Amino acid sequence: MGTPTSPALKELLELLTLERIDKHLFRAFHPQDREHRLYGGQIMAQALRAAAYTVADDRFVHSLHGYFLRPGDPAVPALIDVEPIRDGRSFSTRRVVVIQHGQAIFNMDASFQVEEPGLAHQVDMPPRQPPTEAMVPEEMRTWAFLGWRHDHKRLSSSEAQPPYQDMWFRANGSVPDDPVLHACLAVYESDNALLGTARLPHRDVMVRERMQMASLDHAMWFHARPVTRWRVDEWLLYALDSPSASQSRGYNRGMIFTADGTLVASTMQEGLMRQR
């Protein structure tokens, strides 16, 4: 692909090139303009990148399960410690801990598998079409990702809405043909809208300034290999819903489809939704 790469995407790609300190120990850096706590999608993507560095090239990530333990400090590089739990005939498992100020801020288990044929089925993609370039908001042109949300006016209102939304996203420029890099970028962007889906039914009573919102955990499954089956620099539909909110927590699900309807990844996340 020949699409020019935005400066924000270039920076993100550089952040996913970790510094290797030891065989299973890495140092990760953060965006220069980040002032408050770190974005969870960035930490997950860097943790996956570190884990993949320690796995054989013939094995690709098929699932990850992570927990956000403490807010990340954008002023301090993070240490990423990867523990090789097991390397079997078909699967490899890695446990990852991201550390700042001597404390764990995020931990994740990730599983990798050799490519293997088998039975296959999938649900149908919602009947949606990707946006044209003219439909993308102008303010996004410098961002790392471009996006388009269906029913934007309805979803932006202050009235309560059903807990589901469909949105398109793609990297704002060309991404090298590295499957791990495409997976890391998909992980990064998958954290962008999940928690907001659980807020939709409560728009009429929720005052955003009086809410404490934070991702608690995040899981993701990959159903198809990047580059050969899909690319993050081509439009992907993120179909989201929230089956439940209770106990100051919102539970959210997502499915990621290519424009031709192939389901390539699924996500689940629970987030804190505490009224102050």
Foldseek 3Di string as FASTA:
>chain_A
DFFAAFPQQVVLVVQLPWADPDLFKTKGADDPPDQDFDQPLSVVLNLLSSQVSNDDPQWDWFKKKKFFAATHGNVDIKMKGKDFPDDDPFKTKIKIFIDDPRDTGMIMIIMIGGDDDDDDDDDWDPPDADDDPVQWDPVCLNHQKTKDWPPVVVQPDLAADALKTKMKMAGNGDDPLDQSNQVSVCSSCVSVCFQVSQCRRVSNPDDPVQKDKDWGMKMKGFDDTPPVPHGRRAMKMKIKGWPDDDPQKTKMKIWIAHNVTHTTMIMITIMGTDGD
